[in-house]
Amino acid sequence: MDMTRTYSNAKDEQLKLRKTGRIAIAGLAIVAALGMTACGDDKDSKPAAKTSTSAKASASAAANLPPVPTVAELNAALARALDPAVPASEKLDGVQGAEADPTLPDRLSQAAKGADVKIEVTDVTEFGDSVNAKAKFVVNGQENLVDVPFVADNGKWKIQKSWACAMLTNLGQTSTACS
């Protein structure tokens, strides 16, 4: 038995596990951040607003939001975003803030391909101008449950920039849009 080869295989497995662990931690951090955001607004302790202007503004803002996407629509959007065969120019509209770095969608899809990323949305929850997609996230064969946040931007649902940047970083890539 070749000990060098065995050591090399063990080291490769260790690196895969580290990368997978970082992605899982990033996913958990995003879940925690979203949870804190959802819990941070204590409306019961505040007096009710007495102006009708804010109610009209809220109704107007809600009317400008795109329809809440379905599980199937988000699965299609994520599959397209992570497909290296789809040109970046066609994916810029799917990631919030990607116009700051037009290579961001390609970097994301190439990094995802390199880590054998597969993602399947299982549930969608609306939070006003954002949507949370619960998903099975598989990286190098390791399955994790994650929340993928989408935000309404110019009449479309887009992958939240901070989530895309966290995923990119954990897959060993960088982008000027993330600095």
Foldseek 3Di string as FASTA:
>chain_A
DDVVVVVVVVVVVVVLVQLVVLLQVLQVVVVVVVVCVVPVDDPVVDDDDDDCVVVVVLVVLLVLAAPFDDQVVVLVLVCLLLALVRDLVVNCVAAPQCVVPSCLSNLLNVLCVVFVWDKGFDDWDDDRQKIWTWIFIAGNRDTDTGIFMWGGDPRDTHGYNVSSQSSSVSSPHHTPSND
